[in-house]
Amino acid sequence: LEESLRSVVITASVLGRDFNPGLLVEVCGAGGSLEMLERGIQAGIWNRRDHGVFSFTHNLLREAAYRVQLHSRRTAVHSSVARAAVAKWGDLAERASFIAHHLDMAGEEQPAAALK
């Protein structure tokens, strides 16, 4: 994979097998454009599913992208995901476990409300 797509795939792997493309774009910044999401579809990395959710075509692909990262980078991405999720969905109870998971994986003990 070209470096820019590889970076987006690695970051997406932190979000899970199924992920919100808007959250991915927010976490990746300019590098995670909608064009990169389309390239991922064309490369067979993920598919677009119902309600705008994207899903890795195979969990082994997602797991490999997740494991190739250094622990420090993975922790930093989990932190970025938690912060972006709080900004986007902090008031939604159904997103609390998602946010808590990423805070835990980032090693952050502060409550999600403190990230606002």
PDB file of N, CA and C in Angstrom:
ATOM      1  N   LEU A   1       0.835  -1.195   0.000  1.00  0.00           N
ATOM      2  CA  LEU A   1       0.000   0.000   0.000  1.00  0.00           C
ATOM      3  C   LEU A   1       0.872   1.247   0.000  1.00  0.00           C
ATOM      4  N   GLU A   2       0.373   2.279  -0.652  1.00  0.00           N
ATOM      5  CA  GLU A   2       1.086   3.553  -0.601  1.00  0.00           C
ATOM      6  C   GLU A   2       1.058   4.063   0.837  1.00  0.00           C
ATOM      7  N   GLU A   3       2.044   4.841   1.210  1.00  0.00           N
ATOM      8  CA  GLU A   3       2.229   5.279   2.593  1.00  0.00           C
ATOM      9  C   GLU A   3       1.017   5.996   3.166  1.00  0.00           C
ATOM     10  N   SER A   4       0.386   6.888   2.402  1.00  0.00           N
ATOM     11  CA  SER A   4      -0.746   7.643   2.943  1.00  0.00           C
ATOM     12  C   SER A   4      -1.922   6.722   3.259  1.00  0.00           C
ATOM     13  N   LEU A   5      -2.215   5.748   2.392  1.00  0.00           N
ATOM     14  CA  LEU A   5      -3.295   4.810   2.653  1.00  0.00           C
ATOM     15  C   LEU A   5      -2.918   3.876   3.794  1.00  0.00           C
ATOM     16  N   ARG A   6      -1.696   3.453   3.822  1.00  0.00           N
ATOM     17  CA  ARG A   6      -1.220   2.572   4.904  1.00  0.00           C
ATOM     18  C   ARG A   6      -1.420   3.244   6.255  1.00  0.00           C
ATOM     19  N   SER A   7      -1.096   4.511   6.358  1.00  0.00           N
ATOM     20  CA  SER A   7      -1.253   5.242   7.610  1.00  0.00           C
ATOM     21  C   SER A   7      -2.714   5.315   8.038  1.00  0.00           C
ATOM     22  N   VAL A   8      -3.610   5.548   7.092  1.00  0.00           N
ATOM     23  CA  VAL A   8      -5.048   5.606   7.397  1.00  0.00           C
ATOM     24  C   VAL A   8      -5.548   4.227   7.832  1.00  0.00           C
ATOM     25  N   VAL A   9      -5.097   3.172   7.178  1.00  0.00           N
ATOM     26  CA  VAL A   9      -5.510   1.814   7.535  1.00  0.00           C
ATOM     27  C   VAL A   9      -5.058   1.482   8.958  1.00  0.00           C
ATOM     28  N   ILE A  10      -3.834   1.835   9.279  1.00  0.00           N
ATOM     29  CA  ILE A  10      -3.308   1.568  10.621  1.00  0.00           C
ATOM     30  C   ILE A  10      -4.111   2.324  11.668  1.00  0.00           C
ATOM     31  N   THR A  11      -4.436   3.571  11.387  1.00  0.00           N
ATOM     32  CA  THR A  11      -5.241   4.350  12.327  1.00  0.00           C
ATOM     33  C   THR A  11      -6.651   3.774  12.436  1.00  0.00           C
ATOM     34  N   ALA A  12      -7.243   3.395  11.321  1.00  0.00           N
ATOM     35  CA  ALA A  12      -8.596   2.809  11.331  1.00  0.00           C
ATOM     36  C   ALA A  12      -8.636   1.528  12.149  1.00  0.00           C
ATOM     37  N   SER A  13      -7.550   0.789  12.164  1.00  0.00           N
ATOM     38  CA  SER A  13      -7.529  -0.468  12.912  1.00  0.00           C
ATOM     39  C   SER A  13      -7.751  -0.249  14.406  1.00  0.00           C
ATOM     40  N   VAL A  14      -7.384   0.917  14.905  1.00  0.00           N
ATOM     41  CA  VAL A  14      -7.582   1.241  16.319  1.00  0.00           C
ATOM     42  C   VAL A  14      -9.070   1.432  16.624  1.00  0.00           C
ATOM     43  N   LEU A  15      -9.828   1.884  15.630  1.00  0.00           N
ATOM     44  CA  LEU A  15     -11.259   2.112  15.823  1.00  0.00           C
ATOM     45  C   LEU A  15     -12.044   0.812  15.949  1.00  0.00           C
ATOM     46  N   GLY A  16     -11.522  -0.268  15.394  1.00  0.00           N
ATOM     47  CA  GLY A  16     -12.215  -1.556  15.453  1.00  0.00           C
ATOM     48  C   GLY A  16     -12.554  -2.061  14.069  1.00  0.00           C
ATOM     49  N   ARG A  17     -13.136  -3.256  14.014  1.00  0.00           N
ATOM     50  CA  ARG A  17     -13.468  -3.836  12.706  1.00  0.00           C
ATOM     51  C   ARG A  17     -14.476  -2.966  11.972  1.00  0.00           C
ATOM     52  N   ASP A  18     -15.485  -2.487  12.681  1.00  0.00           N
ATOM     53  CA  ASP A  18     -16.467  -1.562  12.122  1.00  0.00           C
ATOM     54  C   ASP A  18     -16.145  -0.176  12.666  1.00  0.00           C
ATOM     55  N   PHE A  19     -16.176   0.817  11.808  1.00  0.00           N
ATOM     56  CA  PHE A  19     -15.812   2.151  12.274  1.00  0.00           C
ATOM     57  C   PHE A  19     -16.598   3.244  11.567  1.00  0.00           C
ATOM     58  N   ASN A  20     -16.692   4.359  12.247  1.00  0.00           N
ATOM     59  CA  ASN A  20     -17.357   5.546  11.726  1.00  0.00           C
ATOM     60  C   ASN A  20     -16.350   6.315  10.877  1.00  0.00           C
ATOM     61  N   PRO A  21     -16.618   6.507   9.586  1.00  0.00           N
ATOM     62  CA  PRO A  21     -15.642   7.188   8.732  1.00  0.00           C
ATOM     63  C   PRO A  21     -15.401   8.638   9.134  1.00  0.00           C
ATOM     64  N   GLY A  22     -16.423   9.315   9.641  1.00  0.00           N
ATOM     65  CA  GLY A  22     -16.238  10.698  10.084  1.00  0.00           C
ATOM     66  C   GLY A  22     -15.262  10.798  11.233  1.00  0.00           C
ATOM     67  N   LEU A  23     -15.332   9.838  12.150  1.00  0.00           N
ATOM     68  CA  LEU A  23     -14.399   9.827  13.278  1.00  0.00           C
ATOM     69  C   LEU A  23     -12.987   9.542  12.787  1.00  0.00           C
ATOM     70  N   LEU A  24     -12.856   8.625  11.842  1.00  0.00           N
ATOM     71  CA  LEU A  24     -11.531   8.334  11.277  1.00  0.00           C
ATOM     72  C   LEU A  24     -10.936   9.566  10.623  1.00  0.00           C
ATOM     73  N   VAL A  25     -11.719  10.262   9.825  1.00  0.00           N
ATOM     74  CA  VAL A  25     -11.236  11.472   9.151  1.00  0.00           C
ATOM     75  C   VAL A  25     -10.815  12.510  10.184  1.00  0.00           C
ATOM     76  N   GLU A  26     -11.599  12.631  11.254  1.00  0.00           N
ATOM     77  CA  GLU A  26     -11.265  13.593  12.302  1.00  0.00           C
ATOM     78  C   GLU A  26      -9.952  13.241  12.999  1.00  0.00           C
ATOM     79  N   VAL A  27      -9.748  11.971  13.286  1.00  0.00           N
ATOM     80  CA  VAL A  27      -8.530  11.533  13.971  1.00  0.00           C
ATOM     81  C   VAL A  27      -7.315  11.657  13.050  1.00  0.00           C
ATOM     82  N   CYS A  28      -7.488  11.336  11.777  1.00  0.00           N
ATOM     83  CA  CYS A  28      -6.366  11.381  10.821  1.00  0.00           C
ATOM     84  C   CYS A  28      -6.049  12.792  10.342  1.00  0.00           C
ATOM     85  N   GLY A  29      -6.986  13.693  10.473  1.00  0.00           N
ATOM     86  CA  GLY A  29      -6.779  15.033   9.935  1.00  0.00           C
ATOM     87  C   GLY A  29      -6.840  14.991   8.418  1.00  0.00           C
ATOM     88  N   ALA A  30      -6.054  15.810   7.783  1.00  0.00           N
ATOM     89  CA  ALA A  30      -6.073  15.925   6.319  1.00  0.00           C
ATOM     90  C   ALA A  30      -5.729  14.603   5.631  1.00  0.00           C
ATOM     91  N   GLY A  31      -4.943  13.754   6.293  1.00  0.00           N
ATOM     92  CA  GLY A  31      -4.539  12.496   5.688  1.00  0.00           C
ATOM     93  C   GLY A  31      -5.662  11.481   5.571  1.00  0.00           C
ATOM     94  N   GLY A  32      -6.736  11.673   6.335  1.00  0.00           N
ATOM     95  CA  GLY A  32      -7.826  10.702   6.335  1.00  0.00           C
ATOM     96  C   GLY A  32      -9.021  11.147   5.528  1.00  0.00           C
ATOM     97  N   SER A  33      -8.773  11.688   4.387  1.00  0.00           N
ATOM     98  CA  SER A  33      -9.849  12.231   3.560  1.00  0.00           C
ATOM     99  C   SER A  33     -10.807  11.154   3.073  1.00  0.00           C
ATOM    100  N   LEU A  34     -11.944  11.603   2.583  1.00  0.00           N
ATOM    101  CA  LEU A  34     -12.913  10.675   2.005  1.00  0.00           C
ATOM    102  C   LEU A  34     -12.317   9.940   0.815  1.00  0.00           C
ATOM    103  N   GLU A  35     -11.384  10.576   0.141  1.00  0.00           N
ATOM    104  CA  GLU A  35     -10.691   9.913  -0.971  1.00  0.00           C
ATOM    105  C   GLU A  35      -9.930   8.683  -0.471  1.00  0.00           C
ATOM    106  N   MET A  36      -9.311   8.786   0.697  1.00  0.00           N
ATOM    107  CA  MET A  36      -8.590   7.644   1.262  1.00  0.00           C
ATOM    108  C   MET A  36      -9.557   6.518   1.631  1.00  0.00           C
ATOM    109  N   LEU A  37     -10.735   6.877   2.100  1.00  0.00           N
ATOM    110  CA  LEU A  37     -11.743   5.857   2.403  1.00  0.00           C
ATOM    111  C   LEU A  37     -12.132   5.109   1.130  1.00  0.00           C
ATOM    112  N   GLU A  38     -12.302   5.845   0.045  1.00  0.00           N
ATOM    113  CA  GLU A  38     -12.634   5.214  -1.244  1.00  0.00           C
ATOM    114  C   GLU A  38     -11.478   4.347  -1.741  1.00  0.00           C
ATOM    115  N   ARG A  39     -10.250   4.808  -1.548  1.00  0.00           N
ATOM    116  CA  ARG A  39      -9.102   3.986  -1.951  1.00  0.00           C
ATOM    117  C   ARG A  39      -9.055   2.683  -1.173  1.00  0.00           C
ATOM    118  N   GLY A  40      -9.435   2.757   0.106  1.00  0.00           N
ATOM    119  CA  GLY A  40      -9.488   1.545   0.916  1.00  0.00           C
ATOM    120  C   GLY A  40     -10.512   0.553   0.389  1.00  0.00           C
ATOM    121  N   ILE A  41     -11.630   1.066  -0.095  1.00  0.00           N
ATOM    122  CA  ILE A  41     -12.650   0.204  -0.704  1.00  0.00           C
ATOM    123  C   ILE A  41     -12.087  -0.431  -1.972  1.00  0.00           C
ATOM    124  N   GLN A  42     -11.475   0.389  -2.816  1.00  0.00           N
ATOM    125  CA  GLN A  42     -10.917  -0.117  -4.072  1.00  0.00           C
ATOM    126  C   GLN A  42      -9.823  -1.151  -3.844  1.00  0.00           C
ATOM    127  N   ALA A  43      -9.052  -0.993  -2.759  1.00  0.00           N
ATOM    128  CA  ALA A  43      -7.975  -1.932  -2.442  1.00  0.00           C
ATOM    129  C   ALA A  43      -8.487  -3.185  -1.731  1.00  0.00           C
ATOM    130  N   GLY A  44      -9.783  -3.229  -1.441  1.00  0.00           N
ATOM    131  CA  GLY A  44     -10.359  -4.395  -0.784  1.00  0.00           C
ATOM    132  C   GLY A  44     -10.069  -4.464   0.709  1.00  0.00           C
ATOM    133  N   ILE A  45      -9.729  -3.329   1.312  1.00  0.00           N
ATOM    134  CA  ILE A  45      -9.395  -3.301   2.735  1.00  0.00           C
ATOM    135  C   ILE A  45     -10.657  -3.237   3.589  1.00  0.00           C
ATOM    136  N   TRP A  46     -11.614  -2.435   3.169  1.00  0.00           N
ATOM    137  CA  TRP A  46     -12.886  -2.331   3.880  1.00  0.00           C
ATOM    138  C   TRP A  46     -14.016  -2.098   2.910  1.00  0.00           C
ATOM    139  N   ASN A  47     -15.232  -2.223   3.433  1.00  0.00           N
ATOM    140  CA  ASN A  47     -16.456  -2.008   2.667  1.00  0.00           C
ATOM    141  C   ASN A  47     -17.308  -0.979   3.383  1.00  0.00           C
ATOM    142  N   ARG A  48     -18.160  -0.336   2.619  1.00  0.00           N
ATOM    143  CA  ARG A  48     -19.155   0.567   3.205  1.00  0.00           C
ATOM    144  C   ARG A  48     -20.370  -0.272   3.560  1.00  0.00           C
ATOM    145  N   ARG A  49     -20.867  -0.085   4.779  1.00  0.00           N
ATOM    146  CA  ARG A  49     -22.034  -0.834   5.237  1.00  0.00           C
ATOM    147  C   ARG A  49     -23.193   0.109   5.492  1.00  0.00           C
ATOM    148  N   ASP A  50     -24.234  -0.427   6.082  1.00  0.00           N
ATOM    149  CA  ASP A  50     -25.423   0.366   6.400  1.00  0.00           C
ATOM    150  C   ASP A  50     -25.092   1.541   7.313  1.00  0.00           C
ATOM    151  N   HIS A  51     -25.850   2.603   7.163  1.00  0.00           N
ATOM    152  CA  HIS A  51     -25.789   3.786   8.024  1.00  0.00           C
ATOM    153  C   HIS A  51     -24.421   4.474   7.973  1.00  0.00           C
ATOM    154  N   GLY A  52     -23.687   4.316   6.879  1.00  0.00           N
ATOM    155  CA  GLY A  52     -22.413   5.006   6.717  1.00  0.00           C
ATOM    156  C   GLY A  52     -21.246   4.390   7.448  1.00  0.00           C
ATOM    157  N   VAL A  53     -21.447   3.241   8.052  1.00  0.00           N
ATOM    158  CA  VAL A  53     -20.372   2.562   8.770  1.00  0.00           C
ATOM    159  C   VAL A  53     -19.481   1.845   7.763  1.00  0.00           C
ATOM    160  N   PHE A  54     -18.188   1.825   8.046  1.00  0.00           N
ATOM    161  CA  PHE A  54     -17.243   1.067   7.230  1.00  0.00           C
ATOM    162  C   PHE A  54     -16.808  -0.147   8.039  1.00  0.00           C
ATOM    163  N   SER A  55     -16.430  -1.213   7.346  1.00  0.00           N
ATOM    164  CA  SER A  55     -16.028  -2.439   8.008  1.00  0.00           C
ATOM    165  C   SER A  55     -14.839  -3.048   7.270  1.00  0.00           C
ATOM    166  N   PHE A  56     -13.814  -3.438   8.027  1.00  0.00           N
ATOM    167  CA  PHE A  56     -12.691  -4.150   7.420  1.00  0.00           C
ATOM    168  C   PHE A  56     -13.230  -5.426   6.774  1.00  0.00           C
ATOM    169  N   THR A  57     -12.704  -5.786   5.610  1.00  0.00           N
ATOM    170  CA  THR A  57     -13.195  -6.961   4.904  1.00  0.00           C
ATOM    171  C   THR A  57     -12.904  -8.245   5.671  1.00  0.00           C
ATOM    172  N   HIS A  58     -11.868  -8.240   6.481  1.00  0.00           N
ATOM    173  CA  HIS A  58     -11.541  -9.406   7.298  1.00  0.00           C
ATOM    174  C   HIS A  58     -10.910  -8.931   8.595  1.00  0.00           C
ATOM    175  N   ASN A  59     -11.291  -9.547   9.681  1.00  0.00           N
ATOM    176  CA  ASN A  59     -10.754  -9.129  10.975  1.00  0.00           C
ATOM    177  C   ASN A  59      -9.249  -9.382  11.071  1.00  0.00           C
ATOM    178  N   LEU A  60      -8.727 -10.389  10.376  1.00  0.00           N
ATOM    179  CA  LEU A  60      -7.276 -10.628  10.400  1.00  0.00           C
ATOM    180  C   LEU A  60      -6.514  -9.456   9.784  1.00  0.00           C
ATOM    181  N   LEU A  61      -7.084  -8.836   8.782  1.00  0.00           N
ATOM    182  CA  LEU A  61      -6.476  -7.660   8.169  1.00  0.00           C
ATOM    183  C   LEU A  61      -6.422  -6.512   9.184  1.00  0.00           C
ATOM    184  N   ARG A  62      -7.531  -6.295   9.877  1.00  0.00           N
ATOM    185  CA  ARG A  62      -7.567  -5.247  10.896  1.00  0.00           C
ATOM    186  C   ARG A  62      -6.579  -5.555  12.022  1.00  0.00           C
ATOM    187  N   GLU A  63      -6.556  -6.802  12.452  1.00  0.00           N
ATOM    188  CA  GLU A  63      -5.669  -7.198  13.543  1.00  0.00           C
ATOM    189  C   GLU A  63      -4.201  -7.015  13.159  1.00  0.00           C
ATOM    190  N   ALA A  64      -3.846  -7.359  11.934  1.00  0.00           N
ATOM    191  CA  ALA A  64      -2.462  -7.181  11.479  1.00  0.00           C
ATOM    192  C   ALA A  64      -2.086  -5.701  11.466  1.00  0.00           C
ATOM    193  N   ALA A  65      -2.988  -4.856  10.984  1.00  0.00           N
ATOM    194  CA  ALA A  65      -2.720  -3.411  10.973  1.00  0.00           C
ATOM    195  C   ALA A  65      -2.606  -2.867  12.393  1.00  0.00           C
ATOM    196  N   TYR A  66      -3.383  -3.407  13.310  1.00  0.00           N
ATOM    197  CA  TYR A  66      -3.332  -2.966  14.704  1.00  0.00           C
ATOM    198  C   TYR A  66      -2.014  -3.376  15.346  1.00  0.00           C
ATOM    199  N   ARG A  67      -1.594  -4.611  15.122  1.00  0.00           N
ATOM    200  CA  ARG A  67      -0.397  -5.158  15.778  1.00  0.00           C
ATOM    201  C   ARG A  67       0.918  -4.614  15.216  1.00  0.00           C
ATOM    202  N   VAL A  68       0.913  -4.103  13.994  1.00  0.00           N
ATOM    203  CA  VAL A  68       2.150  -3.612  13.388  1.00  0.00           C
ATOM    204  C   VAL A  68       2.610  -2.288  14.019  1.00  0.00           C
ATOM    205  N   GLN A  69       1.729  -1.643  14.749  1.00  0.00           N
ATOM    206  CA  GLN A  69       2.046  -0.349  15.354  1.00  0.00           C
ATOM    207  C   GLN A  69       2.865  -0.518  16.633  1.00  0.00           C
ATOM    208  N   LEU A  70       3.727   0.431  16.871  1.00  0.00           N
ATOM    209  CA  LEU A  70       4.401   0.482  18.162  1.00  0.00           C
ATOM    210  C   LEU A  70       3.359   0.765  19.235  1.00  0.00           C
ATOM    211  N   HIS A  71       3.581   0.231  20.416  1.00  0.00           N
ATOM    212  CA  HIS A  71       2.640   0.425  21.512  1.00  0.00           C
ATOM    213  C   HIS A  71       2.415   1.910  21.784  1.00  0.00           C
ATOM    214  N   SER A  72       3.463   2.702  21.740  1.00  0.00           N
ATOM    215  CA  SER A  72       3.333   4.135  22.021  1.00  0.00           C
ATOM    216  C   SER A  72       2.446   4.841  20.991  1.00  0.00           C
ATOM    217  N   ARG A  73       2.551   4.446  19.729  1.00  0.00           N
ATOM    218  CA  ARG A  73       1.702   5.055  18.701  1.00  0.00           C
ATOM    219  C   ARG A  73       0.253   4.618  18.880  1.00  0.00           C
ATOM    220  N   ARG A  74       0.063   3.333  19.149  1.00  0.00           N
ATOM    221  CA  ARG A  74      -1.281   2.807  19.350  1.00  0.00           C
ATOM    222  C   ARG A  74      -1.967   3.509  20.528  1.00  0.00           C
ATOM    223  N   THR A  75      -1.223   3.714  21.614  1.00  0.00           N
ATOM    224  CA  THR A  75      -1.754   4.407  22.783  1.00  0.00           C
ATOM    225  C   THR A  75      -2.145   5.840  22.426  1.00  0.00           C
ATOM    226  N   ALA A  76      -1.298   6.506  21.668  1.00  0.00           N
ATOM    227  CA  ALA A  76      -1.593   7.885  21.258  1.00  0.00           C
ATOM    228  C   ALA A  76      -2.825   7.949  20.369  1.00  0.00           C
ATOM    229  N   VAL A  77      -2.994   6.979  19.477  1.00  0.00           N
ATOM    230  CA  VAL A  77      -4.171   6.965  18.606  1.00  0.00           C
ATOM    231  C   VAL A  77      -5.423   6.688  19.429  1.00  0.00           C
ATOM    232  N   HIS A  78      -5.353   5.769  20.387  1.00  0.00           N
ATOM    233  CA  HIS A  78      -6.505   5.528  21.262  1.00  0.00           C
ATOM    234  C   HIS A  78      -6.900   6.822  21.982  1.00  0.00           C
ATOM    235  N   SER A  79      -5.924   7.567  22.432  1.00  0.00           N
ATOM    236  CA  SER A  79      -6.194   8.843  23.103  1.00  0.00           C
ATOM    237  C   SER A  79      -6.870   9.826  22.148  1.00  0.00           C
ATOM    238  N   SER A  80      -6.369   9.918  20.937  1.00  0.00           N
ATOM    239  CA  SER A  80      -6.975  10.803  19.933  1.00  0.00           C
ATOM    240  C   SER A  80      -8.398  10.383  19.601  1.00  0.00           C
ATOM    241  N   VAL A  81      -8.617   9.083  19.508  1.00  0.00           N
ATOM    242  CA  VAL A  81      -9.958   8.570  19.228  1.00  0.00           C
ATOM    243  C   VAL A  81     -10.904   8.941  20.367  1.00  0.00           C
ATOM    244  N   ALA A  82     -10.460   8.756  21.599  1.00  0.00           N
ATOM    245  CA  ALA A  82     -11.301   9.083  22.756  1.00  0.00           C
ATOM    246  C   ALA A  82     -11.662  10.562  22.754  1.00  0.00           C
ATOM    247  N   ARG A  83     -10.692  11.414  22.507  1.00  0.00           N
ATOM    248  CA  ARG A  83     -10.946  12.859  22.502  1.00  0.00           C
ATOM    249  C   ARG A  83     -11.911  13.250  21.369  1.00  0.00           C
ATOM    250  N   ALA A  84     -11.703  12.683  20.196  1.00  0.00           N
ATOM    251  CA  ALA A  84     -12.587  12.991  19.069  1.00  0.00           C
ATOM    252  C   ALA A  84     -13.998  12.460  19.324  1.00  0.00           C
ATOM    253  N   ALA A  85     -14.098  11.285  19.930  1.00  0.00           N
ATOM    254  CA  ALA A  85     -15.408  10.703  20.226  1.00  0.00           C
ATOM    255  C   ALA A  85     -16.146  11.521  21.281  1.00  0.00           C
ATOM    256  N   VAL A  86     -15.430  12.018  22.268  1.00  0.00           N
ATOM    257  CA  VAL A  86     -16.068  12.870  23.288  1.00  0.00           C
ATOM    258  C   VAL A  86     -16.588  14.143  22.641  1.00  0.00           C
ATOM    259  N   ALA A  87     -15.784  14.725  21.773  1.00  0.00           N
ATOM    260  CA  ALA A  87     -16.218  15.964  21.099  1.00  0.00           C
ATOM    261  C   ALA A  87     -17.440  15.706  20.225  1.00  0.00           C
ATOM    262  N   LYS A  88     -17.487  14.543  19.606  1.00  0.00           N
ATOM    263  CA  LYS A  88     -18.559  14.222  18.661  1.00  0.00           C
ATOM    264  C   LYS A  88     -19.799  13.655  19.354  1.00  0.00           C
ATOM    265  N   TRP A  89     -19.590  12.768  20.343  1.00  0.00           N
ATOM    266  CA  TRP A  89     -20.698  12.023  20.944  1.00  0.00           C
ATOM    267  C   TRP A  89     -20.698  12.048  22.468  1.00  0.00           C
ATOM    268  N   GLY A  90     -19.998  12.952  23.084  1.00  0.00           N
ATOM    269  CA  GLY A  90     -19.835  12.943  24.536  1.00  0.00           C
ATOM    270  C   GLY A  90     -21.117  12.918  25.334  1.00  0.00           C
ATOM    271  N   ASP A  91     -22.196  13.418  24.778  1.00  0.00           N
ATOM    272  CA  ASP A  91     -23.464  13.461  25.501  1.00  0.00           C
ATOM    273  C   ASP A  91     -24.359  12.259  25.212  1.00  0.00           C
ATOM    274  N   LEU A  92     -23.900  11.327  24.400  1.00  0.00           N
ATOM    275  CA  LEU A  92     -24.711  10.165  24.033  1.00  0.00           C
ATOM    276  C   LEU A  92     -24.334   8.956  24.896  1.00  0.00           C
ATOM    277  N   ALA A  93     -25.273   8.507  25.707  1.00  0.00           N
ATOM    278  CA  ALA A  93     -25.017   7.385  26.612  1.00  0.00           C
ATOM    279  C   ALA A  93     -24.596   6.125  25.863  1.00  0.00           C
ATOM    280  N   GLU A  94     -25.138   5.918  24.657  1.00  0.00           N
ATOM    281  CA  GLU A  94     -24.806   4.698  23.905  1.00  0.00           C
ATOM    282  C   GLU A  94     -23.358   4.679  23.406  1.00  0.00           C
ATOM    283  N   ARG A  95     -22.676   5.799  23.480  1.00  0.00           N
ATOM    284  CA  ARG A  95     -21.264   5.860  23.063  1.00  0.00           C
ATOM    285  C   ARG A  95     -20.308   5.808  24.250  1.00  0.00           C
ATOM    286  N   ALA A  96     -20.838   5.762  25.458  1.00  0.00           N
ATOM    287  CA  ALA A  96     -20.005   5.804  26.663  1.00  0.00           C
ATOM    288  C   ALA A  96     -19.020   4.639  26.727  1.00  0.00           C
ATOM    289  N   SER A  97     -19.455   3.428  26.384  1.00  0.00           N
ATOM    290  CA  SER A  97     -18.541   2.284  26.469  1.00  0.00           C
ATOM    291  C   SER A  97     -17.442   2.379  25.415  1.00  0.00           C
ATOM    292  N   PHE A  98     -17.772   2.891  24.237  1.00  0.00           N
ATOM    293  CA  PHE A  98     -16.765   3.096  23.187  1.00  0.00           C
ATOM    294  C   PHE A  98     -15.697   4.068  23.676  1.00  0.00           C
ATOM    295  N   ILE A  99     -16.144   5.177  24.242  1.00  0.00           N
ATOM    296  CA  ILE A  99     -15.213   6.195  24.748  1.00  0.00           C
ATOM    297  C   ILE A  99     -14.387   5.630  25.897  1.00  0.00           C
ATOM    298  N   ALA A 100     -15.041   4.932  26.831  1.00  0.00           N
ATOM    299  CA  ALA A 100     -14.334   4.354  27.980  1.00  0.00           C
ATOM    300  C   ALA A 100     -13.281   3.348  27.529  1.00  0.00           C
ATOM    301  N   HIS A 101     -13.611   2.541  26.517  1.00  0.00           N
ATOM    302  CA  HIS A 101     -12.644   1.566  25.998  1.00  0.00           C
ATOM    303  C   HIS A 101     -11.387   2.270  25.494  1.00  0.00           C
ATOM    304  N   HIS A 102     -11.559   3.321  24.713  1.00  0.00           N
ATOM    305  CA  HIS A 102     -10.393   4.011  24.152  1.00  0.00           C
ATOM    306  C   HIS A 102      -9.611   4.767  25.222  1.00  0.00           C
ATOM    307  N   LEU A 103     -10.302   5.301  26.212  1.00  0.00           N
ATOM    308  CA  LEU A 103      -9.597   5.932  27.335  1.00  0.00           C
ATOM    309  C   LEU A 103      -8.761   4.888  28.076  1.00  0.00           C
ATOM    310  N   ASP A 104      -9.343   3.718  28.304  1.00  0.00           N
ATOM    311  CA  ASP A 104      -8.632   2.638  28.986  1.00  0.00           C
ATOM    312  C   ASP A 104      -7.416   2.197  28.182  1.00  0.00           C
ATOM    313  N   MET A 105      -7.588   1.997  26.878  1.00  0.00           N
ATOM    314  CA  MET A 105      -6.477   1.565  26.029  1.00  0.00           C
ATOM    315  C   MET A 105      -5.383   2.635  25.926  1.00  0.00           C
ATOM    316  N   ALA A 106      -5.771   3.885  26.133  1.00  0.00           N
ATOM    317  CA  ALA A 106      -4.796   4.977  26.116  1.00  0.00           C
ATOM    318  C   ALA A 106      -4.114   5.133  27.471  1.00  0.00           C
ATOM    319  N   GLY A 107      -4.604   4.397  28.472  1.00  0.00           N
ATOM    320  CA  GLY A 107      -4.027   4.503  29.808  1.00  0.00           C
ATOM    321  C   GLY A 107      -4.462   5.760  30.538  1.00  0.00           C
ATOM    322  N   GLU A 108      -5.563   6.342  30.101  1.00  0.00           N
ATOM    323  CA  GLU A 108      -6.066   7.561  30.722  1.00  0.00           C
ATOM    324  C   GLU A 108      -7.145   7.197  31.731  1.00  0.00           C
ATOM    325  N   GLU A 109      -7.001   7.730  32.922  1.00  0.00           N
ATOM    326  CA  GLU A 109      -7.960   7.429  33.977  1.00  0.00           C
ATOM    327  C   GLU A 109      -8.971   8.543  34.196  1.00  0.00           C
ATOM    328  N   GLN A 110      -8.807   9.634  33.489  1.00  0.00           N
ATOM    329  CA  GLN A 110      -9.736  10.738  33.675  1.00  0.00           C
ATOM    330  C   GLN A 110     -11.090  10.427  33.051  1.00  0.00           C
ATOM    331  N   PRO A 111     -12.150  10.944  33.632  1.00  0.00           N
ATOM    332  CA  PRO A 111     -13.476  10.711  33.034  1.00  0.00           C
ATOM    333  C   PRO A 111     -13.601  11.417  31.702  1.00  0.00           C
ATOM    334  N   ALA A 112     -14.450  10.885  30.845  1.00  0.00           N
ATOM    335  CA  ALA A 112     -14.643  11.469  29.519  1.00  0.00           C
ATOM    336  C   ALA A 112     -15.080  12.919  29.606  1.00  0.00           C
ATOM    337  N   ALA A 113     -15.846  13.287  30.636  1.00  0.00           N
ATOM    338  CA  ALA A 113     -16.320  14.664  30.773  1.00  0.00           C
ATOM    339  C   ALA A 113     -15.145  15.636  30.894  1.00  0.00           C
ATOM    340  N   ALA A 114     -14.021  15.169  31.420  1.00  0.00           N
ATOM    341  CA  ALA A 114     -12.856  16.049  31.563  1.00  0.00           C
ATOM    342  C   ALA A 114     -12.200  16.372  30.233  1.00  0.00           C
ATOM    343  N   LEU A 115     -12.525  15.634  29.180  1.00  0.00           N
ATOM    344  CA  LEU A 115     -11.907  15.861  27.874  1.00  0.00           C
ATOM    345  C   LEU A 115     -12.607  16.955  27.087  1.00  0.00           C
ATOM    346  N   LYS A 116     -13.778  17.384  27.535  1.00  0.00           N
ATOM    347  CA  LYS A 116     -14.538  18.397  26.796  1.00  0.00           C
ATOM    348  C   LYS A 116     -13.886  19.757  26.913  1.00  0.00           C
TER     349      LYS A 116
END
